[in-house]
């Protein structure tokens, strides 16, 4: 049985995806509209799921790098999405935000492994 917490990422990702689908559909056609909607929905959904997993497993005993990693994943993707999205489209912004979030996750993980050791 699903709870509201399990369904929250799906609920929050749907309105922006439908908005972007309709906007791109009118301007560029059905195929690109569908692709833009999938990018927006998937990007927001992945960001919310990753954020929920990091917050649920956040253990401050692991050190400040874990707090930095959680902070970067909380702030960086929406900031990059806003910065790129205002100059182009929401789908391009979300794609750039996901890329930035993955790069920050990878960089902070490598730093943590270098400091703590495996």
PDB file of N, CA and C in Angstrom:
ATOM      1  N   UNK A   1       0.843  -1.177   0.000  1.00  0.00           N
ATOM      2  CA  UNK A   1       0.000   0.000   0.000  1.00  0.00           C
ATOM      3  C   UNK A   1       0.887   1.238   0.000  1.00  0.00           C
ATOM      4  N   UNK A   2       0.558   2.165  -0.845  1.00  0.00           N
ATOM      5  CA  UNK A   2       1.328   3.396  -0.928  1.00  0.00           C
ATOM      6  C   UNK A   2       0.766   4.441   0.017  1.00  0.00           C
ATOM      7  N   UNK A   3       1.656   5.232   0.569  1.00  0.00           N
ATOM      8  CA  UNK A   3       1.232   6.352   1.401  1.00  0.00           C
ATOM      9  C   UNK A   3       1.371   7.633   0.600  1.00  0.00           C
ATOM     10  N   UNK A   4       0.931   8.731   1.174  1.00  0.00           N
ATOM     11  CA  UNK A   4       1.041  10.024   0.505  1.00  0.00           C
ATOM     12  C   UNK A   4       2.498  10.408   0.292  1.00  0.00           C
ATOM     13  N   UNK A   5       3.366  10.010   1.205  1.00  0.00           N
ATOM     14  CA  UNK A   5       4.790  10.308   1.061  1.00  0.00           C
ATOM     15  C   UNK A   5       5.383   9.595  -0.151  1.00  0.00           C
ATOM     16  N   UNK A   6       4.915   8.388  -0.434  1.00  0.00           N
ATOM     17  CA  UNK A   6       5.394   7.660  -1.612  1.00  0.00           C
ATOM     18  C   UNK A   6       4.896   8.293  -2.909  1.00  0.00           C
ATOM     19  N   UNK A   7       3.695   8.845  -2.880  1.00  0.00           N
ATOM     20  CA  UNK A   7       3.101   9.422  -4.081  1.00  0.00           C
ATOM     21  C   UNK A   7       3.449  10.893  -4.292  1.00  0.00           C
ATOM     22  N   UNK A   8       4.039  11.534  -3.301  1.00  0.00           N
ATOM     23  CA  UNK A   8       4.322  12.965  -3.385  1.00  0.00           C
ATOM     24  C   UNK A   8       5.226  13.345  -4.555  1.00  0.00           C
ATOM     25  N   UNK A   9       6.326  12.638  -4.835  1.00  0.00           N
ATOM     26  CA  UNK A   9       7.132  13.011  -6.009  1.00  0.00           C
ATOM     27  C   UNK A   9       6.349  12.938  -7.318  1.00  0.00           C
ATOM     28  N   UNK A  10       5.477  11.941  -7.450  1.00  0.00           N
ATOM     29  CA  UNK A  10       4.672  11.810  -8.667  1.00  0.00           C
ATOM     30  C   UNK A  10       3.706  12.984  -8.788  1.00  0.00           C
ATOM     31  N   UNK A  11       3.097  13.359  -7.665  1.00  0.00           N
ATOM     32  CA  UNK A  11       2.121  14.449  -7.666  1.00  0.00           C
ATOM     33  C   UNK A  11       2.806  15.784  -7.967  1.00  0.00           C
ATOM     34  N   UNK A  12       3.977  16.013  -7.392  1.00  0.00           N
ATOM     35  CA  UNK A  12       4.676  17.285  -7.595  1.00  0.00           C
ATOM     36  C   UNK A  12       5.295  17.404  -8.986  1.00  0.00           C
ATOM     37  N   UNK A  13       5.630  16.288  -9.604  1.00  0.00           N
ATOM     38  CA  UNK A  13       6.279  16.339 -10.917  1.00  0.00           C
ATOM     39  C   UNK A  13       5.294  16.465 -12.065  1.00  0.00           C
ATOM     40  N   UNK A  14       4.048  16.120 -11.843  1.00  0.00           N
ATOM     41  CA  UNK A  14       3.086  16.090 -12.943  1.00  0.00           C
ATOM     42  C   UNK A  14       2.692  17.471 -13.478  1.00  0.00           C
ATOM     43  N   UNK A  15       2.334  18.470 -12.648  1.00  0.00           N
ATOM     44  CA  UNK A  15       1.907  19.758 -13.226  1.00  0.00           C
ATOM     45  C   UNK A  15       2.968  20.462 -14.083  1.00  0.00           C
ATOM     46  N   UNK A  16       4.230  20.570 -13.654  1.00  0.00           N
ATOM     47  CA  UNK A  16       5.201  21.211 -14.542  1.00  0.00           C
ATOM     48  C   UNK A  16       5.428  20.433 -15.837  1.00  0.00           C
ATOM     49  N   UNK A  17       5.342  19.110 -15.762  1.00  0.00           N
ATOM     50  CA  UNK A  17       5.525  18.292 -16.966  1.00  0.00           C
ATOM     51  C   UNK A  17       4.387  18.528 -17.955  1.00  0.00           C
ATOM     52  N   UNK A  18       3.169  18.588 -17.454  1.00  0.00           N
ATOM     53  CA  UNK A  18       2.030  18.852 -18.343  1.00  0.00           C
ATOM     54  C   UNK A  18       2.107  20.257 -18.936  1.00  0.00           C
ATOM     55  N   UNK A  19       2.538  21.229 -18.137  1.00  0.00           N
ATOM     56  CA  UNK A  19       2.677  22.595 -18.633  1.00  0.00           C
ATOM     57  C   UNK A  19       3.721  22.667 -19.747  1.00  0.00           C
ATOM     58  N   UNK A  20       4.872  22.043 -19.528  1.00  0.00           N
ATOM     59  CA  UNK A  20       5.933  22.068 -20.536  1.00  0.00           C
ATOM     60  C   UNK A  20       5.525  21.289 -21.776  1.00  0.00           C
ATOM     61  N   UNK A  21       4.815  20.186 -21.599  1.00  0.00           N
ATOM     62  CA  UNK A  21       4.333  19.415 -22.744  1.00  0.00           C
ATOM     63  C   UNK A  21       3.412  20.264 -23.613  1.00  0.00           C
ATOM     64  N   UNK A  22       2.471  20.943 -22.997  1.00  0.00           N
ATOM     65  CA  UNK A  22       1.548  21.790 -23.748  1.00  0.00           C
ATOM     66  C   UNK A  22       2.240  22.957 -24.431  1.00  0.00           C
ATOM     67  N   UNK A  23       3.187  23.572 -23.744  1.00  0.00           N
ATOM     68  CA  UNK A  23       3.891  24.720 -24.307  1.00  0.00           C
ATOM     69  C   UNK A  23       4.732  24.317 -25.520  1.00  0.00           C
ATOM     70  N   UNK A  24       5.493  23.228 -25.376  1.00  0.00           N
ATOM     71  CA  UNK A  24       6.348  22.780 -26.474  1.00  0.00           C
ATOM     72  C   UNK A  24       5.508  22.175 -27.593  1.00  0.00           C
ATOM     73  N   UNK A  25       4.405  21.514 -27.257  1.00  0.00           N
ATOM     74  CA  UNK A  25       3.522  20.920 -28.256  1.00  0.00           C
ATOM     75  C   UNK A  25       2.998  21.995 -29.211  1.00  0.00           C
ATOM     76  N   UNK A  26       2.587  23.145 -28.641  1.00  0.00           N
ATOM     77  CA  UNK A  26       2.072  24.238 -29.469  1.00  0.00           C
ATOM     78  C   UNK A  26       3.157  24.838 -30.352  1.00  0.00           C
ATOM     79  N   UNK A  27       4.360  24.940 -29.824  1.00  0.00           N
ATOM     80  CA  UNK A  27       5.424  25.613 -30.566  1.00  0.00           C
ATOM     81  C   UNK A  27       6.133  24.700 -31.565  1.00  0.00           C
ATOM     82  N   UNK A  28       6.365  23.442 -31.195  1.00  0.00           N
ATOM     83  CA  UNK A  28       7.235  22.586 -32.019  1.00  0.00           C
ATOM     84  C   UNK A  28       6.606  21.274 -32.470  1.00  0.00           C
ATOM     85  N   UNK A  29       5.434  20.930 -31.972  1.00  0.00           N
ATOM     86  CA  UNK A  29       4.792  19.695 -32.403  1.00  0.00           C
ATOM     87  C   UNK A  29       4.677  18.673 -31.289  1.00  0.00           C
ATOM     88  N   UNK A  30       3.954  17.612 -31.592  1.00  0.00           N
ATOM     89  CA  UNK A  30       3.616  16.605 -30.591  1.00  0.00           C
ATOM     90  C   UNK A  30       4.824  15.802 -30.123  1.00  0.00           C
ATOM     91  N   UNK A  31       5.707  15.446 -31.037  1.00  0.00           N
ATOM     92  CA  UNK A  31       6.841  14.588 -30.663  1.00  0.00           C
ATOM     93  C   UNK A  31       7.779  15.307 -29.695  1.00  0.00           C
ATOM     94  N   UNK A  32       8.143  16.526 -30.022  1.00  0.00           N
ATOM     95  CA  UNK A  32       9.029  17.276 -29.133  1.00  0.00           C
ATOM     96  C   UNK A  32       8.329  17.660 -27.831  1.00  0.00           C
ATOM     97  N   UNK A  33       7.018  17.882 -27.896  1.00  0.00           N
ATOM     98  CA  UNK A  33       6.265  18.163 -26.682  1.00  0.00           C
ATOM     99  C   UNK A  33       6.277  16.985 -25.721  1.00  0.00           C
ATOM    100  N   UNK A  34       6.112  15.791 -26.277  1.00  0.00           N
ATOM    101  CA  UNK A  34       6.139  14.593 -25.433  1.00  0.00           C
ATOM    102  C   UNK A  34       7.522  14.380 -24.826  1.00  0.00           C
ATOM    103  N   UNK A  35       8.557  14.589 -25.619  1.00  0.00           N
ATOM    104  CA  UNK A  35       9.927  14.423 -25.108  1.00  0.00           C
ATOM    105  C   UNK A  35      10.213  15.444 -24.013  1.00  0.00           C
ATOM    106  N   UNK A  36       9.801  16.689 -24.218  1.00  0.00           N
ATOM    107  CA  UNK A  36      10.018  17.721 -23.202  1.00  0.00           C
ATOM    108  C   UNK A  36       9.267  17.384 -21.915  1.00  0.00           C
ATOM    109  N   UNK A  37       8.045  16.883 -22.046  1.00  0.00           N
ATOM    110  CA  UNK A  37       7.278  16.502 -20.860  1.00  0.00           C
ATOM    111  C   UNK A  37       7.917  15.361 -20.093  1.00  0.00           C
ATOM    112  N   UNK A  38       8.452  14.392 -20.810  1.00  0.00           N
ATOM    113  CA  UNK A  38       9.128  13.266 -20.153  1.00  0.00           C
ATOM    114  C   UNK A  38      10.394  13.741 -19.445  1.00  0.00           C
ATOM    115  N   UNK A  39      11.138  14.638 -20.075  1.00  0.00           N
ATOM    116  CA  UNK A  39      12.352  15.168 -19.439  1.00  0.00           C
ATOM    117  C   UNK A  39      12.001  15.917 -18.158  1.00  0.00           C
ATOM    118  N   UNK A  40      10.981  16.751 -18.222  1.00  0.00           N
ATOM    119  CA  UNK A  40      10.588  17.524 -17.041  1.00  0.00           C
ATOM    120  C   UNK A  40      10.075  16.600 -15.944  1.00  0.00           C
ATOM    121  N   UNK A  41       9.189  15.685 -16.287  1.00  0.00           N
ATOM    122  CA  UNK A  41       8.638  14.777 -15.274  1.00  0.00           C
ATOM    123  C   UNK A  41       9.742  13.918 -14.659  1.00  0.00           C
ATOM    124  N   UNK A  42      10.562  13.306 -15.507  1.00  0.00           N
ATOM    125  CA  UNK A  42      11.630  12.452 -14.998  1.00  0.00           C
ATOM    126  C   UNK A  42      12.647  13.207 -14.177  1.00  0.00           C
ATOM    127  N   UNK A  43      12.985  14.414 -14.606  1.00  0.00           N
ATOM    128  CA  UNK A  43      13.968  15.202 -13.862  1.00  0.00           C
ATOM    129  C   UNK A  43      13.488  15.595 -12.483  1.00  0.00           C
ATOM    130  N   UNK A  44      12.264  16.093 -12.404  1.00  0.00           N
ATOM    131  CA  UNK A  44      11.730  16.481 -11.095  1.00  0.00           C
ATOM    132  C   UNK A  44      11.543  15.254 -10.215  1.00  0.00           C
ATOM    133  N   UNK A  45      11.047  14.174 -10.791  1.00  0.00           N
ATOM    134  CA  UNK A  45      10.837  12.951 -10.018  1.00  0.00           C
ATOM    135  C   UNK A  45      12.164  12.413  -9.473  1.00  0.00           C
ATOM    136  N   UNK A  46      13.187  12.344 -10.323  1.00  0.00           N
ATOM    137  CA  UNK A  46      14.488  11.848  -9.858  1.00  0.00           C
ATOM    138  C   UNK A  46      15.087  12.736  -8.783  1.00  0.00           C
ATOM    139  N   UNK A  47      14.951  14.050  -8.944  1.00  0.00           N
ATOM    140  CA  UNK A  47      15.497  14.957  -7.943  1.00  0.00           C
ATOM    141  C   UNK A  47      14.798  14.774  -6.598  1.00  0.00           C
ATOM    142  N   UNK A  48      13.478  14.662  -6.619  1.00  0.00           N
ATOM    143  CA  UNK A  48      12.747  14.479  -5.368  1.00  0.00           C
ATOM    144  C   UNK A  48      13.049  13.133  -4.719  1.00  0.00           C
ATOM    145  N   UNK A  49      13.164  12.081  -5.519  1.00  0.00           N
ATOM    146  CA  UNK A  49      13.484  10.760  -4.966  1.00  0.00           C
ATOM    147  C   UNK A  49      14.894  10.736  -4.377  1.00  0.00           C
ATOM    148  N   UNK A  50      15.868  11.314  -5.090  1.00  0.00           N
ATOM    149  CA  UNK A  50      17.240  11.351  -4.571  1.00  0.00           C
ATOM    150  C   UNK A  50      17.313  12.171  -3.297  1.00  0.00           C
ATOM    151  N   UNK A  51      16.588  13.272  -3.272  1.00  0.00           N
ATOM    152  CA  UNK A  51      16.566  14.114  -2.085  1.00  0.00           C
ATOM    153  C   UNK A  51      15.956  13.371  -0.898  1.00  0.00           C
ATOM    154  N   UNK A  52      14.873  12.653  -1.126  1.00  0.00           N
ATOM    155  CA  UNK A  52      14.233  11.890  -0.048  1.00  0.00           C
ATOM    156  C   UNK A  52      15.156  10.789   0.467  1.00  0.00           C
ATOM    157  N   UNK A  53      15.864  10.115  -0.430  1.00  0.00           N
ATOM    158  CA  UNK A  53      16.788   9.061   0.009  1.00  0.00           C
ATOM    159  C   UNK A  53      17.961   9.623   0.795  1.00  0.00           C
ATOM    160  N   UNK A  54      18.483  10.740   0.362  1.00  0.00           N
ATOM    161  CA  UNK A  54      19.624  11.333   1.068  1.00  0.00           C
ATOM    162  C   UNK A  54      19.197  11.838   2.438  1.00  0.00           C
ATOM    163  N   UNK A  55      18.036  12.470   2.508  1.00  0.00           N
ATOM    164  CA  UNK A  55      17.574  12.989   3.797  1.00  0.00           C
ATOM    165  C   UNK A  55      17.262  11.847   4.759  1.00  0.00           C
ATOM    166  N   UNK A  56      16.696  10.759   4.252  1.00  0.00           N
ATOM    167  CA  UNK A  56      16.361   9.644   5.149  1.00  0.00           C
ATOM    168  C   UNK A  56      17.617   8.926   5.640  1.00  0.00           C
ATOM    169  N   UNK A  57      18.683   8.927   4.866  1.00  0.00           N
ATOM    170  CA  UNK A  57      19.919   8.256   5.268  1.00  0.00           C
ATOM    171  C   UNK A  57      20.985   9.203   5.781  1.00  0.00           C
ATOM    172  N   UNK A  58      20.629  10.455   6.027  1.00  0.00           N
ATOM    173  CA  UNK A  58      21.615  11.445   6.459  1.00  0.00           C
ATOM    174  C   UNK A  58      22.111  11.098   7.861  1.00  0.00           C
ATOM    175  N   UNK A  59      23.383  10.876   7.963  1.00  0.00           N
ATOM    176  CA  UNK A  59      24.010  10.534   9.233  1.00  0.00           C
ATOM    177  C   UNK A  59      25.163  11.501   9.446  1.00  0.00           C
ATOM    178  N   UNK A  60      25.007  12.390  10.394  1.00  0.00           N
ATOM    179  CA  UNK A  60      26.020  13.417  10.610  1.00  0.00           C
ATOM    180  C   UNK A  60      27.310  12.852  11.198  1.00  0.00           C
ATOM    181  N   UNK A  61      27.283  11.603  11.651  1.00  0.00           N
ATOM    182  CA  UNK A  61      28.517  11.003  12.164  1.00  0.00           C
ATOM    183  C   UNK A  61      29.516  10.733  11.046  1.00  0.00           C
ATOM    184  N   UNK A  62      29.046  10.728   9.790  1.00  0.00           N
ATOM    185  CA  UNK A  62      29.944  10.483   8.669  1.00  0.00           C
ATOM    186  C   UNK A  62      30.788  11.706   8.330  1.00  0.00           C
ATOM    187  N   UNK A  63      30.454  12.838   8.885  1.00  0.00           N
ATOM    188  CA  UNK A  63      31.266  14.020   8.683  1.00  0.00           C
ATOM    189  C   UNK A  63      30.557  15.109   7.905  1.00  0.00           C
ATOM    190  N   UNK A  64      31.247  16.233   7.782  1.00  0.00           N
ATOM    191  CA  UNK A  64      30.617  17.383   7.113  1.00  0.00           C
ATOM    192  C   UNK A  64      30.465  17.206   5.610  1.00  0.00           C
ATOM    193  N   UNK A  65      31.205  16.287   5.009  1.00  0.00           N
ATOM    194  CA  UNK A  65      31.093  16.113   3.559  1.00  0.00           C
ATOM    195  C   UNK A  65      29.712  15.566   3.187  1.00  0.00           C
ATOM    196  N   UNK A  66      29.104  14.792   4.068  1.00  0.00           N
ATOM    197  CA  UNK A  66      27.762  14.271   3.804  1.00  0.00           C
ATOM    198  C   UNK A  66      26.746  15.409   3.866  1.00  0.00           C
ATOM    199  N   UNK A  67      26.923  16.313   4.821  1.00  0.00           N
ATOM    200  CA  UNK A  67      26.039  17.478   4.890  1.00  0.00           C
ATOM    201  C   UNK A  67      26.230  18.371   3.670  1.00  0.00           C
ATOM    202  N   UNK A  68      27.465  18.516   3.214  1.00  0.00           N
ATOM    203  CA  UNK A  68      27.729  19.295   2.008  1.00  0.00           C
ATOM    204  C   UNK A  68      27.086  18.642   0.793  1.00  0.00           C
ATOM    205  N   UNK A  69      27.162  17.327   0.719  1.00  0.00           N
ATOM    206  CA  UNK A  69      26.559  16.606  -0.395  1.00  0.00           C
ATOM    207  C   UNK A  69      25.040  16.786  -0.401  1.00  0.00           C
ATOM    208  N   UNK A  70      24.419  16.675   0.750  1.00  0.00           N
ATOM    209  CA  UNK A  70      22.967  16.858   0.823  1.00  0.00           C
ATOM    210  C   UNK A  70      22.585  18.291   0.474  1.00  0.00           C
ATOM    211  N   UNK A  71      23.371  19.257   0.951  1.00  0.00           N
ATOM    212  CA  UNK A  71      23.101  20.656   0.645  1.00  0.00           C
ATOM    213  C   UNK A  71      23.245  20.936  -0.852  1.00  0.00           C
ATOM    214  N   UNK A  72      24.286  20.369  -1.454  1.00  0.00           N
ATOM    215  CA  UNK A  72      24.494  20.562  -2.901  1.00  0.00           C
ATOM    216  C   UNK A  72      23.357  19.958  -3.704  1.00  0.00           C
ATOM    217  N   UNK A  73      22.881  18.793  -3.311  1.00  0.00           N
ATOM    218  CA  UNK A  73      21.774  18.171  -4.042  1.00  0.00           C
ATOM    219  C   UNK A  73      20.442  18.864  -3.777  1.00  0.00           C
ATOM    220  N   UNK A  74      20.356  19.585  -2.672  1.00  0.00           N
ATOM    221  CA  UNK A  74      19.144  20.334  -2.391  1.00  0.00           C
ATOM    222  C   UNK A  74      19.100  21.638  -3.180  1.00  0.00           C
ATOM    223  N   UNK A  75      20.235  22.298  -3.315  1.00  0.00           N
ATOM    224  CA  UNK A  75      20.274  23.635  -3.894  1.00  0.00           C
ATOM    225  C   UNK A  75      20.668  23.653  -5.377  1.00  0.00           C
ATOM    226  N   UNK A  76      21.667  22.874  -5.775  1.00  0.00           N
ATOM    227  CA  UNK A  76      22.246  23.008  -7.117  1.00  0.00           C
ATOM    228  C   UNK A  76      21.287  22.709  -8.271  1.00  0.00           C
ATOM    229  N   UNK A  77      20.588  21.568  -8.301  1.00  0.00           N
ATOM    230  CA  UNK A  77      19.722  21.316  -9.461  1.00  0.00           C
ATOM    231  C   UNK A  77      18.632  22.366  -9.682  1.00  0.00           C
ATOM    232  N   UNK A  78      17.907  22.816  -8.634  1.00  0.00           N
ATOM    233  CA  UNK A  78      16.918  23.873  -8.902  1.00  0.00           C
ATOM    234  C   UNK A  78      17.558  25.194  -9.329  1.00  0.00           C
ATOM    235  N   UNK A  79      18.737  25.512  -8.777  1.00  0.00           N
ATOM    236  CA  UNK A  79      19.398  26.759  -9.159  1.00  0.00           C
ATOM    237  C   UNK A  79      19.840  26.726 -10.618  1.00  0.00           C
ATOM    238  N   UNK A  80      20.430  25.625 -11.044  1.00  0.00           N
ATOM    239  CA  UNK A  80      20.845  25.499 -12.445  1.00  0.00           C
ATOM    240  C   UNK A  80      19.620  25.451 -13.356  1.00  0.00           C
ATOM    241  N   UNK A  81      18.564  24.774 -12.919  1.00  0.00           N
ATOM    242  CA  UNK A  81      17.334  24.720 -13.703  1.00  0.00           C
ATOM    243  C   UNK A  81      16.767  26.115 -13.909  1.00  0.00           C
ATOM    244  N   UNK A  82      16.744  26.913 -12.858  1.00  0.00           N
ATOM    245  CA  UNK A  82      16.230  28.273 -12.974  1.00  0.00           C
ATOM    246  C   UNK A  82      17.124  29.108 -13.888  1.00  0.00           C
ATOM    247  N   UNK A  83      18.439  28.983 -13.731  1.00  0.00           N
ATOM    248  CA  UNK A  83      19.368  29.794 -14.507  1.00  0.00           C
ATOM    249  C   UNK A  83      19.290  29.474 -16.001  1.00  0.00           C
ATOM    250  N   UNK A  84      19.261  28.198 -16.347  1.00  0.00           N
ATOM    251  CA  UNK A  84      19.185  27.805 -17.755  1.00  0.00           C
ATOM    252  C   UNK A  84      17.756  27.944 -18.280  1.00  0.00           C
ATOM    253  N   UNK A  85      16.775  27.609 -17.455  1.00  0.00           N
ATOM    254  CA  UNK A  85      15.384  27.623 -17.888  1.00  0.00           C
ATOM    255  C   UNK A  85      14.862  28.998 -18.245  1.00  0.00           C
ATOM    256  N   UNK A  86      15.354  30.037 -17.605  1.00  0.00           N
ATOM    257  CA  UNK A  86      14.867  31.378 -17.944  1.00  0.00           C
ATOM    258  C   UNK A  86      15.413  31.852 -19.280  1.00  0.00           C
ATOM    259  N   UNK A  87      16.513  31.253 -19.742  1.00  0.00           N
ATOM    260  CA  UNK A  87      17.078  31.631 -21.034  1.00  0.00           C
ATOM    261  C   UNK A  87      16.580  30.738 -22.166  1.00  0.00           C
ATOM    262  N   UNK A  88      16.085  29.550 -21.852  1.00  0.00           N
ATOM    263  CA  UNK A  88      15.621  28.639 -22.907  1.00  0.00           C
ATOM    264  C   UNK A  88      14.269  28.060 -22.519  1.00  0.00           C
ATOM    265  N   UNK A  89      14.215  26.794 -22.149  1.00  0.00           N
ATOM    266  CA  UNK A  89      12.946  26.174 -21.774  1.00  0.00           C
ATOM    267  C   UNK A  89      13.123  25.395 -20.483  1.00  0.00           C
ATOM    268  N   UNK A  90      12.003  24.989 -19.912  1.00  0.00           N
ATOM    269  CA  UNK A  90      12.038  24.236 -18.664  1.00  0.00           C
ATOM    270  C   UNK A  90      12.719  22.888 -18.841  1.00  0.00           C
ATOM    271  N   UNK A  91      12.487  22.232 -19.971  1.00  0.00           N
ATOM    272  CA  UNK A  91      13.105  20.926 -20.213  1.00  0.00           C
ATOM    273  C   UNK A  91      14.622  21.048 -20.293  1.00  0.00           C
ATOM    274  N   UNK A  92      15.110  22.072 -20.973  1.00  0.00           N
ATOM    275  CA  UNK A  92      16.560  22.277 -21.047  1.00  0.00           C
ATOM    276  C   UNK A  92      17.130  22.605 -19.681  1.00  0.00           C
ATOM    277  N   UNK A  93      16.406  23.386 -18.906  1.00  0.00           N
ATOM    278  CA  UNK A  93      16.858  23.720 -17.563  1.00  0.00           C
ATOM    279  C   UNK A  93      16.927  22.515 -16.655  1.00  0.00           C
ATOM    280  N   UNK A  94      15.928  21.653 -16.732  1.00  0.00           N
ATOM    281  CA  UNK A  94      15.916  20.458 -15.883  1.00  0.00           C
ATOM    282  C   UNK A  94      17.017  19.497 -16.302  1.00  0.00           C
ATOM    283  N   UNK A  95      17.236  19.361 -17.602  1.00  0.00           N
ATOM    284  CA  UNK A  95      18.325  18.506 -18.060  1.00  0.00           C
ATOM    285  C   UNK A  95      19.671  19.030 -17.544  1.00  0.00           C
ATOM    286  N   UNK A  96      19.867  20.332 -17.606  1.00  0.00           N
ATOM    287  CA  UNK A  96      21.108  20.923 -17.079  1.00  0.00           C
ATOM    288  C   UNK A  96      21.183  20.777 -15.564  1.00  0.00           C
ATOM    289  N   UNK A  97      20.050  20.914 -14.882  1.00  0.00           N
ATOM    290  CA  UNK A  97      20.033  20.744 -13.432  1.00  0.00           C
ATOM    291  C   UNK A  97      20.375  19.322 -13.007  1.00  0.00           C
ATOM    292  N   UNK A  98      19.856  18.337 -13.739  1.00  0.00           N
ATOM    293  CA  UNK A  98      20.200  16.941 -13.447  1.00  0.00           C
ATOM    294  C   UNK A  98      21.679  16.674 -13.683  1.00  0.00           C
ATOM    295  N   UNK A  99      22.200  17.239 -14.748  1.00  0.00           N
ATOM    296  CA  UNK A  99      23.622  17.063 -15.031  1.00  0.00           C
ATOM    297  C   UNK A  99      24.471  17.689 -13.942  1.00  0.00           C
ATOM    298  N   UNK A 100      24.121  18.889 -13.522  1.00  0.00           N
ATOM    299  CA  UNK A 100      24.873  19.553 -12.453  1.00  0.00           C
ATOM    300  C   UNK A 100      24.754  18.785 -11.144  1.00  0.00           C
ATOM    301  N   UNK A 101      23.559  18.293 -10.834  1.00  0.00           N
ATOM    302  CA  UNK A 101      23.381  17.527  -9.603  1.00  0.00           C
ATOM    303  C   UNK A 101      24.188  16.242  -9.601  1.00  0.00           C
ATOM    304  N   UNK A 102      24.206  15.542 -10.741  1.00  0.00           N
ATOM    305  CA  UNK A 102      24.993  14.316 -10.826  1.00  0.00           C
ATOM    306  C   UNK A 102      26.482  14.617 -10.689  1.00  0.00           C
ATOM    307  N   UNK A 103      26.943  15.681 -11.318  1.00  0.00           N
ATOM    308  CA  UNK A 103      28.360  16.041 -11.216  1.00  0.00           C
ATOM    309  C   UNK A 103      28.735  16.398  -9.777  1.00  0.00           C
ATOM    310  N   UNK A 104      27.861  17.135  -9.091  1.00  0.00           N
ATOM    311  CA  UNK A 104      28.146  17.470  -7.692  1.00  0.00           C
ATOM    312  C   UNK A 104      28.108  16.231  -6.805  1.00  0.00           C
ATOM    313  N   UNK A 105      27.176  15.335  -7.056  1.00  0.00           N
ATOM    314  CA  UNK A 105      27.116  14.088  -6.289  1.00  0.00           C
ATOM    315  C   UNK A 105      28.388  13.273  -6.497  1.00  0.00           C
ATOM    316  N   UNK A 106      28.818  13.165  -7.733  1.00  0.00           N
ATOM    317  CA  UNK A 106      30.039  12.419  -8.047  1.00  0.00           C
ATOM    318  C   UNK A 106      31.264  13.079  -7.419  1.00  0.00           C
ATOM    319  N   UNK A 107      31.358  14.398  -7.529  1.00  0.00           N
ATOM    320  CA  UNK A 107      32.524  15.109  -6.981  1.00  0.00           C
ATOM    321  C   UNK A 107      32.588  14.982  -5.466  1.00  0.00           C
ATOM    322  N   UNK A 108      31.471  15.174  -4.783  1.00  0.00           N
ATOM    323  CA  UNK A 108      31.500  15.073  -3.325  1.00  0.00           C
ATOM    324  C   UNK A 108      31.727  13.631  -2.875  1.00  0.00           C
ATOM    325  N   UNK A 109      31.248  12.659  -3.634  1.00  0.00           N
ATOM    326  CA  UNK A 109      31.514  11.251  -3.289  1.00  0.00           C
ATOM    327  C   UNK A 109      32.989  10.920  -3.433  1.00  0.00           C
ATOM    328  N   UNK A 110      33.609  11.412  -4.487  1.00  0.00           N
ATOM    329  CA  UNK A 110      35.041  11.170  -4.680  1.00  0.00           C
ATOM    330  C   UNK A 110      35.851  11.857  -3.590  1.00  0.00           C
ATOM    331  N   UNK A 111      35.479  13.063  -3.225  1.00  0.00           N
ATOM    332  CA  UNK A 111      36.183  13.769  -2.145  1.00  0.00           C
ATOM    333  C   UNK A 111      36.028  13.014  -0.834  1.00  0.00           C
ATOM    334  N   UNK A 112      34.815  12.520  -0.559  1.00  0.00           N
ATOM    335  CA  UNK A 112      34.578  11.792   0.679  1.00  0.00           C
ATOM    336  C   UNK A 112      35.407  10.513   0.708  1.00  0.00           C
ATOM    337  N   UNK A 113      35.463   9.805  -0.414  1.00  0.00           N
ATOM    338  CA  UNK A 113      36.284   8.578  -0.463  1.00  0.00           C
ATOM    339  C   UNK A 113      37.764   8.910  -0.303  1.00  0.00           C
ATOM    340  N   UNK A 114      38.205  10.021  -0.859  1.00  0.00           N
ATOM    341  CA  UNK A 114      39.608  10.404  -0.720  1.00  0.00           C
ATOM    342  C   UNK A 114      39.944  10.771   0.727  1.00  0.00           C
ATOM    343  N   UNK A 115      39.035  11.408   1.397  1.00  0.00           N
ATOM    344  CA  UNK A 115      39.304  11.821   2.779  1.00  0.00           C
ATOM    345  C   UNK A 115      39.167  10.647   3.741  1.00  0.00           C
ATOM    346  N   UNK A 116      38.086   9.905   3.625  1.00  0.00           N
ATOM    347  CA  UNK A 116      37.804   8.831   4.570  1.00  0.00           C
ATOM    348  C   UNK A 116      38.476   7.517   4.190  1.00  0.00           C
ATOM    349  N   UNK A 117      38.653   7.286   2.915  1.00  0.00           N
ATOM    350  CA  UNK A 117      39.175   5.998   2.463  1.00  0.00           C
ATOM    351  C   UNK A 117      38.057   4.985   2.363  1.00  0.00           C
ATOM    352  N   UNK A 118      38.283   3.976   1.559  1.00  0.00           N
ATOM    353  CA  UNK A 118      37.240   2.970   1.391  1.00  0.00           C
ATOM    354  C   UNK A 118      37.526   1.868   2.367  1.00  0.00           C
TER     355      UNK A 118
END
